[in-house]
Amino acid sequence: LFRYTQQIGGVSVNNSYGMEQCDMEYGYTSGQSVVTVTVNDDGVCALEYEAPTDVGEVVQKDVELLSFNDIWEIFKKVSVLSIQSYEIYEEITQNELEVYDIRFGYMSVLQGDGTYQYTPVWDFYARRILKGSGAYEGSNNIPPIEGKSCLTINAVNGTIIDRDLGY
């Protein structure tokens, strides 16, 4: 199996919804313009081309990105708000957000005129860990949706991007 996923300057491109498609047999395919070639002893037996996308003109060159420390501070503020939302439940004794992956990439972000623009972003992948009594007796870890970013931050201006809406 050979897989080519579109990159811009060596950086992966994710679609606006942020889901890496999980192929149970071969792992993850991410991004747009994914070409998958399956080869066996007789040669090429399958060729699949998903989400063909052309990269248009460059809108901005040499864009200055926020430092990762700035991005991390934004993440911490948002994740604290996320954790605080569970504090209304007295039976919760442990409430954690465990980050298991952080990725830099491009995302096709919906613009006001209805077009999409590739924007550099940081994606945070995490799982929620809740323990306590009552409905939260024992370990009630909320499993992550594999391949779905729990928070996407614009690497240029620090705004939060809703991957479900694409902006």
N, C-alpha and C. Protein backbone atom coordinates (compact mmCIF):
# COMPACT_ATOMS: atom_id res chain seq x y z
N LEU A 1 0.85 -1.17 0.00
CA LEU A 1 0.00 0.00 0.00
C LEU A 1 0.90 1.23 0.00
N PHE A 2 0.66 2.13 -0.94
CA PHE A 2 1.36 3.40 -0.99
C PHE A 2 0.31 4.50 -0.87
N ARG A 3 0.61 5.52 -0.08
CA ARG A 3 -0.36 6.60 0.09
C ARG A 3 0.36 7.93 -0.02
N TYR A 4 -0.21 8.80 -0.85
CA TYR A 4 0.28 10.17 -0.99
C TYR A 4 -0.80 11.09 -0.48
N THR A 5 -0.45 11.97 0.46
CA THR A 5 -1.39 12.96 0.98
C THR A 5 -0.83 14.34 0.68
N GLN A 6 -1.68 15.21 0.18
CA GLN A 6 -1.25 16.55 -0.20
C GLN A 6 -0.59 17.27 0.97
N GLN A 7 0.51 17.92 0.66
CA GLN A 7 1.19 18.77 1.62
C GLN A 7 1.55 20.08 0.93
N ILE A 8 1.70 21.11 1.71
CA ILE A 8 2.17 22.40 1.20
C ILE A 8 3.45 22.72 1.94
N GLY A 9 4.55 22.77 1.22
CA GLY A 9 5.83 23.04 1.85
C GLY A 9 6.18 22.01 2.92
N GLY A 10 5.75 20.76 2.72
CA GLY A 10 6.06 19.70 3.67
C GLY A 10 5.12 19.64 4.87
N VAL A 11 4.10 20.51 4.90
CA VAL A 11 3.15 20.53 6.02
C VAL A 11 1.83 19.92 5.55
N SER A 12 1.28 19.01 6.34
CA SER A 12 0.05 18.32 5.97
C SER A 12 -1.13 19.27 5.86
N VAL A 13 -2.07 18.90 5.00
CA VAL A 13 -3.29 19.67 4.79
C VAL A 13 -4.47 18.84 5.29
N ASN A 14 -5.26 19.40 6.21
CA ASN A 14 -6.47 18.74 6.69
C ASN A 14 -7.68 19.41 6.09
N ASN A 15 -8.76 18.66 5.98
CA ASN A 15 -9.98 19.27 5.45
C ASN A 15 -10.64 20.13 6.51
N SER A 16 -11.67 20.86 6.13
CA SER A 16 -12.29 21.82 7.04
C SER A 16 -12.96 21.16 8.23
N TYR A 17 -13.32 19.90 8.12
CA TYR A 17 -13.98 19.25 9.24
C TYR A 17 -13.00 18.59 10.20
N GLY A 18 -11.75 18.48 9.81
CA GLY A 18 -10.71 18.04 10.74
C GLY A 18 -10.68 16.56 11.03
N MET A 19 -11.43 15.79 10.31
CA MET A 19 -11.43 14.36 10.59
C MET A 19 -10.44 13.66 9.67
N GLU A 20 -9.58 12.87 10.28
CA GLU A 20 -8.79 11.95 9.50
C GLU A 20 -9.68 10.74 9.31
N GLN A 21 -9.80 10.29 8.12
CA GLN A 21 -10.67 9.14 7.86
C GLN A 21 -9.95 7.87 8.29
N CYS A 22 -10.57 7.14 9.18
CA CYS A 22 -9.95 5.92 9.69
C CYS A 22 -10.29 4.76 8.78
N ASP A 23 -9.29 4.23 8.14
CA ASP A 23 -9.42 3.04 7.32
C ASP A 23 -8.98 1.88 8.21
N MET A 24 -9.92 1.05 8.61
CA MET A 24 -9.65 0.03 9.61
C MET A 24 -8.53 -0.92 9.19
N GLU A 25 -8.33 -1.08 7.89
CA GLU A 25 -7.31 -2.01 7.43
C GLU A 25 -5.93 -1.36 7.33
N TYR A 26 -5.88 -0.06 6.99
CA TYR A 26 -4.60 0.57 6.69
C TYR A 26 -4.24 1.75 7.58
N GLY A 27 -5.07 2.09 8.57
CA GLY A 27 -4.75 3.21 9.43
C GLY A 27 -5.47 4.47 8.99
N TYR A 28 -4.80 5.61 9.09
CA TYR A 28 -5.44 6.89 8.83
C TYR A 28 -5.05 7.46 7.47
N THR A 29 -6.01 8.08 6.84
CA THR A 29 -5.71 8.95 5.70
C THR A 29 -6.13 10.34 6.14
N SER A 30 -5.29 11.30 5.94
CA SER A 30 -5.64 12.64 6.35
C SER A 30 -5.44 13.59 5.19
N GLY A 31 -6.15 14.67 5.26
CA GLY A 31 -5.95 15.73 4.31
C GLY A 31 -6.77 15.60 3.06
N GLN A 32 -6.39 16.36 2.06
CA GLN A 32 -7.08 16.38 0.79
C GLN A 32 -6.14 15.87 -0.29
N SER A 33 -6.70 15.54 -1.42
CA SER A 33 -5.93 14.99 -2.53
C SER A 33 -5.12 13.78 -2.09
N VAL A 34 -5.81 12.79 -1.57
CA VAL A 34 -5.17 11.57 -1.11
C VAL A 34 -5.21 10.54 -2.23
N VAL A 35 -4.03 10.08 -2.63
CA VAL A 35 -3.92 9.03 -3.64
C VAL A 35 -3.45 7.77 -2.93
N THR A 36 -4.20 6.69 -3.07
CA THR A 36 -3.84 5.41 -2.45
C THR A 36 -3.66 4.38 -3.56
N VAL A 37 -2.52 3.72 -3.56
CA VAL A 37 -2.22 2.68 -4.55
C VAL A 37 -1.98 1.38 -3.79
N THR A 38 -2.75 0.35 -4.15
CA THR A 38 -2.58 -0.97 -3.54
C THR A 38 -1.89 -1.87 -4.56
N VAL A 39 -0.80 -2.48 -4.12
CA VAL A 39 0.02 -3.31 -5.00
C VAL A 39 0.16 -4.70 -4.39
N ASN A 40 0.06 -5.73 -5.22
CA ASN A 40 0.36 -7.09 -4.77
C ASN A 40 1.43 -7.68 -5.68
N ASP A 41 1.64 -8.98 -5.62
CA ASP A 41 2.69 -9.60 -6.41
C ASP A 41 2.48 -9.46 -7.91
N ASP A 42 1.23 -9.27 -8.33
CA ASP A 42 0.92 -9.12 -9.76
C ASP A 42 1.03 -7.68 -10.25
N GLY A 43 1.26 -6.74 -9.33
CA GLY A 43 1.36 -5.33 -9.70
C GLY A 43 0.26 -4.51 -9.04
N VAL A 44 -0.09 -3.39 -9.67
CA VAL A 44 -1.11 -2.49 -9.12
C VAL A 44 -2.48 -3.15 -9.24
N CYS A 45 -3.18 -3.27 -8.10
CA CYS A 45 -4.51 -3.89 -8.15
C CYS A 45 -5.60 -2.90 -7.78
N ALA A 46 -5.24 -1.72 -7.26
CA ALA A 46 -6.26 -0.71 -6.96
C ALA A 46 -5.60 0.66 -6.91
N LEU A 47 -6.33 1.64 -7.41
CA LEU A 47 -5.89 3.03 -7.37
C LEU A 47 -7.09 3.87 -6.97
N GLU A 48 -6.95 4.64 -5.91
CA GLU A 48 -8.05 5.47 -5.42
C GLU A 48 -7.56 6.90 -5.24
N TYR A 49 -8.35 7.85 -5.73
CA TYR A 49 -8.01 9.27 -5.62
C TYR A 49 -9.18 9.96 -4.94
N GLU A 50 -8.95 10.41 -3.70
CA GLU A 50 -10.01 11.03 -2.93
C GLU A 50 -9.79 12.54 -2.82
N ALA A 51 -10.89 13.27 -2.82
CA ALA A 51 -10.91 14.72 -2.56
C ALA A 51 -9.87 15.48 -3.36
N PRO A 52 -9.90 15.38 -4.70
CA PRO A 52 -8.92 16.15 -5.48
C PRO A 52 -9.08 17.64 -5.23
N THR A 53 -7.99 18.29 -4.92
CA THR A 53 -8.01 19.71 -4.59
C THR A 53 -6.82 20.40 -5.24
N ASP A 54 -7.06 21.53 -5.85
CA ASP A 54 -5.97 22.32 -6.42
C ASP A 54 -5.62 23.45 -5.46
N VAL A 55 -4.33 23.70 -5.33
CA VAL A 55 -3.88 24.84 -4.55
C VAL A 55 -3.83 26.03 -5.49
N GLY A 56 -4.56 27.08 -5.14
CA GLY A 56 -4.63 28.26 -5.99
C GLY A 56 -3.48 29.22 -5.72
N GLU A 57 -3.74 30.48 -5.96
CA GLU A 57 -2.71 31.50 -5.80
C GLU A 57 -2.38 31.74 -4.33
N VAL A 58 -1.18 32.21 -4.07
CA VAL A 58 -0.76 32.55 -2.72
C VAL A 58 -1.39 33.90 -2.36
N VAL A 59 -2.12 33.94 -1.26
CA VAL A 59 -2.80 35.15 -0.83
C VAL A 59 -1.87 36.02 0.00
N GLN A 60 -1.08 35.37 0.89
CA GLN A 60 -0.12 36.09 1.72
C GLN A 60 1.18 35.31 1.73
N LYS A 61 2.29 36.03 1.58
CA LYS A 61 3.60 35.39 1.66
C LYS A 61 4.27 35.77 2.97
N ASP A 62 5.14 34.89 3.42
CA ASP A 62 5.96 35.15 4.61
C ASP A 62 5.13 35.64 5.80
N VAL A 63 4.04 34.92 6.08
CA VAL A 63 3.18 35.26 7.20
C VAL A 63 3.90 34.90 8.49
N GLU A 64 3.88 35.81 9.45
CA GLU A 64 4.51 35.54 10.74
C GLU A 64 3.54 34.75 11.61
N LEU A 65 4.02 33.63 12.14
CA LEU A 65 3.20 32.78 12.98
C LEU A 65 3.43 33.12 14.45
N LEU A 66 2.40 32.90 15.25
CA LEU A 66 2.55 33.05 16.69
C LEU A 66 3.52 31.99 17.19
N SER A 67 4.22 32.29 18.27
CA SER A 67 5.12 31.29 18.85
C SER A 67 4.27 30.17 19.44
N PHE A 68 4.88 28.98 19.56
CA PHE A 68 4.12 27.88 20.17
C PHE A 68 3.77 28.20 21.61
N ASN A 69 4.60 28.97 22.31
CA ASN A 69 4.27 29.36 23.68
C ASN A 69 2.96 30.16 23.72
N ASP A 70 2.78 31.06 22.74
CA ASP A 70 1.52 31.81 22.66
C ASP A 70 0.34 30.88 22.39
N ILE A 71 0.54 29.94 21.48
CA ILE A 71 -0.51 28.97 21.16
C ILE A 71 -0.85 28.14 22.39
N TRP A 72 0.17 27.71 23.12
CA TRP A 72 -0.03 26.90 24.32
C TRP A 72 -0.83 27.67 25.38
N GLU A 73 -0.54 28.96 25.53
CA GLU A 73 -1.29 29.79 26.49
C GLU A 73 -2.76 29.87 26.11
N ILE A 74 -3.04 30.00 24.82
CA ILE A 74 -4.43 30.02 24.34
C ILE A 74 -5.09 28.68 24.65
N PHE A 75 -4.38 27.59 24.37
CA PHE A 75 -4.93 26.27 24.65
C PHE A 75 -5.24 26.12 26.13
N LYS A 76 -4.33 26.55 27.00
CA LYS A 76 -4.54 26.40 28.44
C LYS A 76 -5.79 27.16 28.90
N LYS A 77 -6.00 28.37 28.38
CA LYS A 77 -7.18 29.16 28.77
C LYS A 77 -8.46 28.46 28.34
N VAL A 78 -8.48 27.96 27.13
CA VAL A 78 -9.68 27.30 26.61
C VAL A 78 -9.91 25.97 27.33
N SER A 79 -8.84 25.22 27.59
CA SER A 79 -9.02 23.93 28.25
C SER A 79 -9.47 24.10 29.69
N VAL A 80 -9.05 25.17 30.37
CA VAL A 80 -9.54 25.44 31.73
C VAL A 80 -11.05 25.69 31.69
N LEU A 81 -11.51 26.44 30.70
CA LEU A 81 -12.96 26.65 30.57
C LEU A 81 -13.68 25.33 30.34
N SER A 82 -13.07 24.45 29.56
CA SER A 82 -13.65 23.14 29.28
C SER A 82 -13.75 22.32 30.56
N ILE A 83 -12.71 22.35 31.36
CA ILE A 83 -12.70 21.59 32.62
C ILE A 83 -13.70 22.18 33.60
N GLN A 84 -13.79 23.52 33.67
CA GLN A 84 -14.71 24.16 34.60
C GLN A 84 -16.16 23.82 34.32
N SER A 85 -16.48 23.50 33.08
CA SER A 85 -17.87 23.18 32.75
C SER A 85 -18.35 21.94 33.48
N TYR A 86 -17.44 21.07 33.92
CA TYR A 86 -17.81 19.87 34.66
C TYR A 86 -17.86 20.10 36.17
N GLU A 87 -17.42 21.27 36.66
CA GLU A 87 -17.36 21.52 38.10
C GLU A 87 -18.74 21.67 38.73
N ILE A 88 -19.78 21.79 37.95
CA ILE A 88 -21.13 21.89 38.51
C ILE A 88 -21.62 20.54 39.04
N TYR A 89 -20.95 19.45 38.69
CA TYR A 89 -21.34 18.13 39.13
C TYR A 89 -20.52 17.74 40.36
N GLU A 90 -21.17 17.75 41.53
CA GLU A 90 -20.47 17.49 42.79
C GLU A 90 -19.88 16.09 42.87
N GLU A 91 -20.48 15.13 42.14
CA GLU A 91 -19.99 13.76 42.24
C GLU A 91 -18.68 13.53 41.49
N ILE A 92 -18.20 14.49 40.73
CA ILE A 92 -16.93 14.33 40.01
C ILE A 92 -15.78 14.68 40.94
N THR A 93 -14.88 13.73 41.14
CA THR A 93 -13.71 13.95 41.99
C THR A 93 -12.42 14.11 41.18
N GLN A 94 -12.41 13.61 39.97
CA GLN A 94 -11.25 13.77 39.10
C GLN A 94 -11.74 14.23 37.74
N ASN A 95 -11.15 15.30 37.26
CA ASN A 95 -11.56 15.89 35.98
C ASN A 95 -10.29 16.35 35.27
N GLU A 96 -9.88 15.60 34.28
CA GLU A 96 -8.64 15.91 33.58
C GLU A 96 -8.86 15.90 32.07
N LEU A 97 -8.05 16.69 31.41
CA LEU A 97 -8.01 16.67 29.96
C LEU A 97 -6.59 16.26 29.59
N GLU A 98 -6.45 15.08 29.00
CA GLU A 98 -5.13 14.53 28.67
C GLU A 98 -4.85 14.73 27.19
N VAL A 99 -3.88 15.57 26.88
CA VAL A 99 -3.49 15.82 25.49
C VAL A 99 -2.57 14.69 25.06
N TYR A 100 -2.93 14.00 23.97
CA TYR A 100 -2.10 12.90 23.50
C TYR A 100 -1.43 13.19 22.17
N ASP A 101 -1.77 14.30 21.52
CA ASP A 101 -1.09 14.64 20.27
C ASP A 101 -1.33 16.11 19.95
N ILE A 102 -0.33 16.78 19.42
CA ILE A 102 -0.42 18.16 18.95
C ILE A 102 0.21 18.18 17.57
N ARG A 103 -0.52 18.73 16.58
CA ARG A 103 0.00 18.73 15.20
C ARG A 103 -0.12 20.11 14.58
N PHE A 104 0.89 20.47 13.82
CA PHE A 104 0.86 21.69 13.02
C PHE A 104 0.50 21.30 11.60
N GLY A 105 -0.39 22.07 10.97
CA GLY A 105 -0.77 21.77 9.60
C GLY A 105 -1.52 22.92 8.98
N TYR A 106 -1.99 22.69 7.77
CA TYR A 106 -2.85 23.65 7.08
C TYR A 106 -4.28 23.14 7.13
N MET A 107 -5.22 24.05 7.24
CA MET A 107 -6.64 23.71 7.20
C MET A 107 -7.30 24.60 6.17
N SER A 108 -8.22 24.03 5.41
CA SER A 108 -8.97 24.86 4.46
C SER A 108 -10.10 25.53 5.24
N VAL A 109 -9.96 26.84 5.43
CA VAL A 109 -10.88 27.62 6.26
C VAL A 109 -11.83 28.40 5.35
N LEU A 110 -13.12 28.31 5.67
CA LEU A 110 -14.14 29.02 4.91
C LEU A 110 -13.98 30.53 5.10
N GLN A 111 -13.99 31.25 3.99
CA GLN A 111 -13.87 32.71 4.01
C GLN A 111 -15.26 33.34 3.84
N GLY A 112 -15.35 34.63 4.13
CA GLY A 112 -16.61 35.35 4.04
C GLY A 112 -17.25 35.33 2.66
N ASP A 113 -16.43 35.19 1.61
CA ASP A 113 -16.97 35.20 0.24
C ASP A 113 -17.35 33.80 -0.25
N GLY A 114 -17.29 32.80 0.66
CA GLY A 114 -17.68 31.44 0.28
C GLY A 114 -16.55 30.59 -0.26
N THR A 115 -15.37 31.15 -0.42
CA THR A 115 -14.21 30.37 -0.86
C THR A 115 -13.47 29.82 0.36
N TYR A 116 -12.51 28.95 0.10
CA TYR A 116 -11.70 28.39 1.17
C TYR A 116 -10.26 28.85 1.01
N GLN A 117 -9.59 29.05 2.11
CA GLN A 117 -8.19 29.46 2.10
C GLN A 117 -7.42 28.56 3.06
N TYR A 118 -6.29 28.01 2.59
CA TYR A 118 -5.46 27.21 3.47
C TYR A 118 -4.82 28.12 4.51
N THR A 119 -4.99 27.76 5.76
CA THR A 119 -4.52 28.56 6.88
C THR A 119 -3.67 27.67 7.80
N PRO A 120 -2.51 28.15 8.26
CA PRO A 120 -1.72 27.34 9.19
C PRO A 120 -2.42 27.28 10.55
N VAL A 121 -2.51 26.05 11.11
CA VAL A 121 -3.21 25.84 12.37
C VAL A 121 -2.44 24.86 13.25
N TRP A 122 -2.74 24.91 14.54
CA TRP A 122 -2.29 23.91 15.50
C TRP A 122 -3.52 23.13 15.93
N ASP A 123 -3.45 21.81 15.86
CA ASP A 123 -4.53 20.93 16.30
C ASP A 123 -4.11 20.21 17.57
N PHE A 124 -5.03 20.19 18.55
CA PHE A 124 -4.81 19.49 19.81
C PHE A 124 -5.76 18.31 19.88
N TYR A 125 -5.21 17.13 20.13
CA TYR A 125 -6.00 15.91 20.26
C TYR A 125 -5.93 15.49 21.73
N ALA A 126 -7.09 15.26 22.35
CA ALA A 126 -7.12 14.99 23.79
C ALA A 126 -8.26 14.06 24.13
N ARG A 127 -8.20 13.54 25.36
CA ARG A 127 -9.30 12.73 25.90
C ARG A 127 -9.63 13.28 27.28
N ARG A 128 -10.90 13.20 27.65
CA ARG A 128 -11.39 13.65 28.95
C ARG A 128 -11.37 12.46 29.92
N ILE A 129 -10.89 12.68 31.13
CA ILE A 129 -10.88 11.65 32.16
C ILE A 129 -11.73 12.16 33.32
N LEU A 130 -12.82 11.46 33.62
CA LEU A 130 -13.73 11.82 34.71
C LEU A 130 -13.86 10.63 35.65
N LYS A 131 -13.73 10.89 36.95
CA LYS A 131 -13.94 9.86 37.97
C LYS A 131 -14.71 10.48 39.11
N GLY A 132 -15.45 9.63 39.83
CA GLY A 132 -16.20 10.12 40.97
C GLY A 132 -17.22 9.13 41.45
N SER A 133 -18.31 9.66 41.98
CA SER A 133 -19.38 8.82 42.51
C SER A 133 -20.63 8.99 41.67
N GLY A 134 -21.66 8.25 42.02
CA GLY A 134 -22.92 8.34 41.30
C GLY A 134 -22.74 7.94 39.85
N ALA A 135 -23.18 8.79 38.97
CA ALA A 135 -23.07 8.51 37.54
C ALA A 135 -21.61 8.42 37.09
N TYR A 136 -20.71 8.96 37.91
CA TYR A 136 -19.29 8.97 37.56
C TYR A 136 -18.50 7.97 38.40
N GLU A 137 -19.20 6.93 38.92
CA GLU A 137 -18.56 5.90 39.73
C GLU A 137 -17.46 5.20 38.93
N GLY A 138 -16.31 5.05 39.56
CA GLY A 138 -15.19 4.39 38.89
C GLY A 138 -14.59 5.28 37.83
N SER A 139 -14.14 4.68 36.77
CA SER A 139 -13.49 5.41 35.69
C SER A 139 -14.48 5.63 34.55
N ASN A 140 -14.75 6.87 34.25
CA ASN A 140 -15.67 7.21 33.16
C ASN A 140 -14.95 8.04 32.12
N ASN A 141 -13.86 7.49 31.63
CA ASN A 141 -13.11 8.22 30.62
C ASN A 141 -13.96 8.41 29.37
N ILE A 142 -14.00 9.62 28.89
CA ILE A 142 -14.73 9.90 27.66
C ILE A 142 -13.73 9.68 26.53
N PRO A 143 -13.92 8.63 25.74
CA PRO A 143 -12.93 8.32 24.71
C PRO A 143 -12.92 9.40 23.62
N PRO A 144 -11.74 9.67 23.10
CA PRO A 144 -11.68 10.65 22.01
C PRO A 144 -12.27 10.05 20.74
N ILE A 145 -12.72 10.91 19.87
CA ILE A 145 -13.09 10.47 18.53
C ILE A 145 -11.79 10.45 17.76
N GLU A 146 -11.30 9.26 17.49
CA GLU A 146 -9.97 9.14 16.88
C GLU A 146 -9.89 9.95 15.59
N GLY A 147 -8.83 10.74 15.50
CA GLY A 147 -8.60 11.53 14.31
C GLY A 147 -9.30 12.88 14.31
N LYS A 148 -10.08 13.19 15.35
CA LYS A 148 -10.80 14.47 15.40
C LYS A 148 -10.12 15.38 16.41
N SER A 149 -9.70 16.53 15.95
CA SER A 149 -9.07 17.52 16.81
C SER A 149 -10.09 18.05 17.81
N CYS A 150 -9.68 18.14 19.08
CA CYS A 150 -10.61 18.70 20.08
C CYS A 150 -10.51 20.21 20.12
N LEU A 151 -9.42 20.77 19.60
CA LEU A 151 -9.27 22.23 19.54
C LEU A 151 -8.32 22.57 18.40
N THR A 152 -8.74 23.51 17.56
CA THR A 152 -7.92 23.98 16.45
C THR A 152 -7.70 25.47 16.64
N ILE A 153 -6.44 25.89 16.64
CA ILE A 153 -6.08 27.29 16.85
C ILE A 153 -5.36 27.81 15.61
N ASN A 154 -5.84 28.94 15.09
CA ASN A 154 -5.21 29.61 13.96
C ASN A 154 -3.80 30.02 14.38
N ALA A 155 -2.77 29.56 13.65
CA ALA A 155 -1.38 29.82 14.01
C ALA A 155 -0.94 31.24 13.70
N VAL A 156 -1.75 31.99 12.94
CA VAL A 156 -1.39 33.37 12.59
C VAL A 156 -1.94 34.36 13.62
N ASN A 157 -3.23 34.22 13.96
CA ASN A 157 -3.84 35.22 14.84
C ASN A 157 -4.38 34.66 16.15
N GLY A 158 -4.30 33.36 16.37
CA GLY A 158 -4.70 32.77 17.65
C GLY A 158 -6.18 32.56 17.84
N THR A 159 -6.98 32.76 16.80
CA THR A 159 -8.41 32.54 16.95
C THR A 159 -8.70 31.04 16.98
N ILE A 160 -9.81 30.69 17.62
CA ILE A 160 -10.25 29.30 17.69
C ILE A 160 -11.09 29.01 16.45
N ILE A 161 -10.82 27.88 15.80
CA ILE A 161 -11.54 27.51 14.61
C ILE A 161 -12.44 26.32 14.94
N ASP A 162 -13.69 26.41 14.58
CA ASP A 162 -14.64 25.31 14.76
C ASP A 162 -14.55 24.43 13.52
N ARG A 163 -13.95 23.27 13.66
CA ARG A 163 -13.76 22.41 12.50
C ARG A 163 -15.07 21.89 11.93
N ASP A 164 -16.10 21.79 12.77
CA ASP A 164 -17.40 21.33 12.26
C ASP A 164 -18.04 22.37 11.33
N LEU A 165 -17.76 23.65 11.58
CA LEU A 165 -18.30 24.71 10.73
C LEU A 165 -17.32 25.13 9.64
N GLY A 166 -16.03 24.89 9.85
CA GLY A 166 -15.03 25.23 8.85
C GLY A 166 -14.50 26.65 8.94
N TYR A 167 -14.76 27.34 10.06
CA TYR A 167 -14.22 28.70 10.24
C TYR A 167 -14.09 29.03 11.73
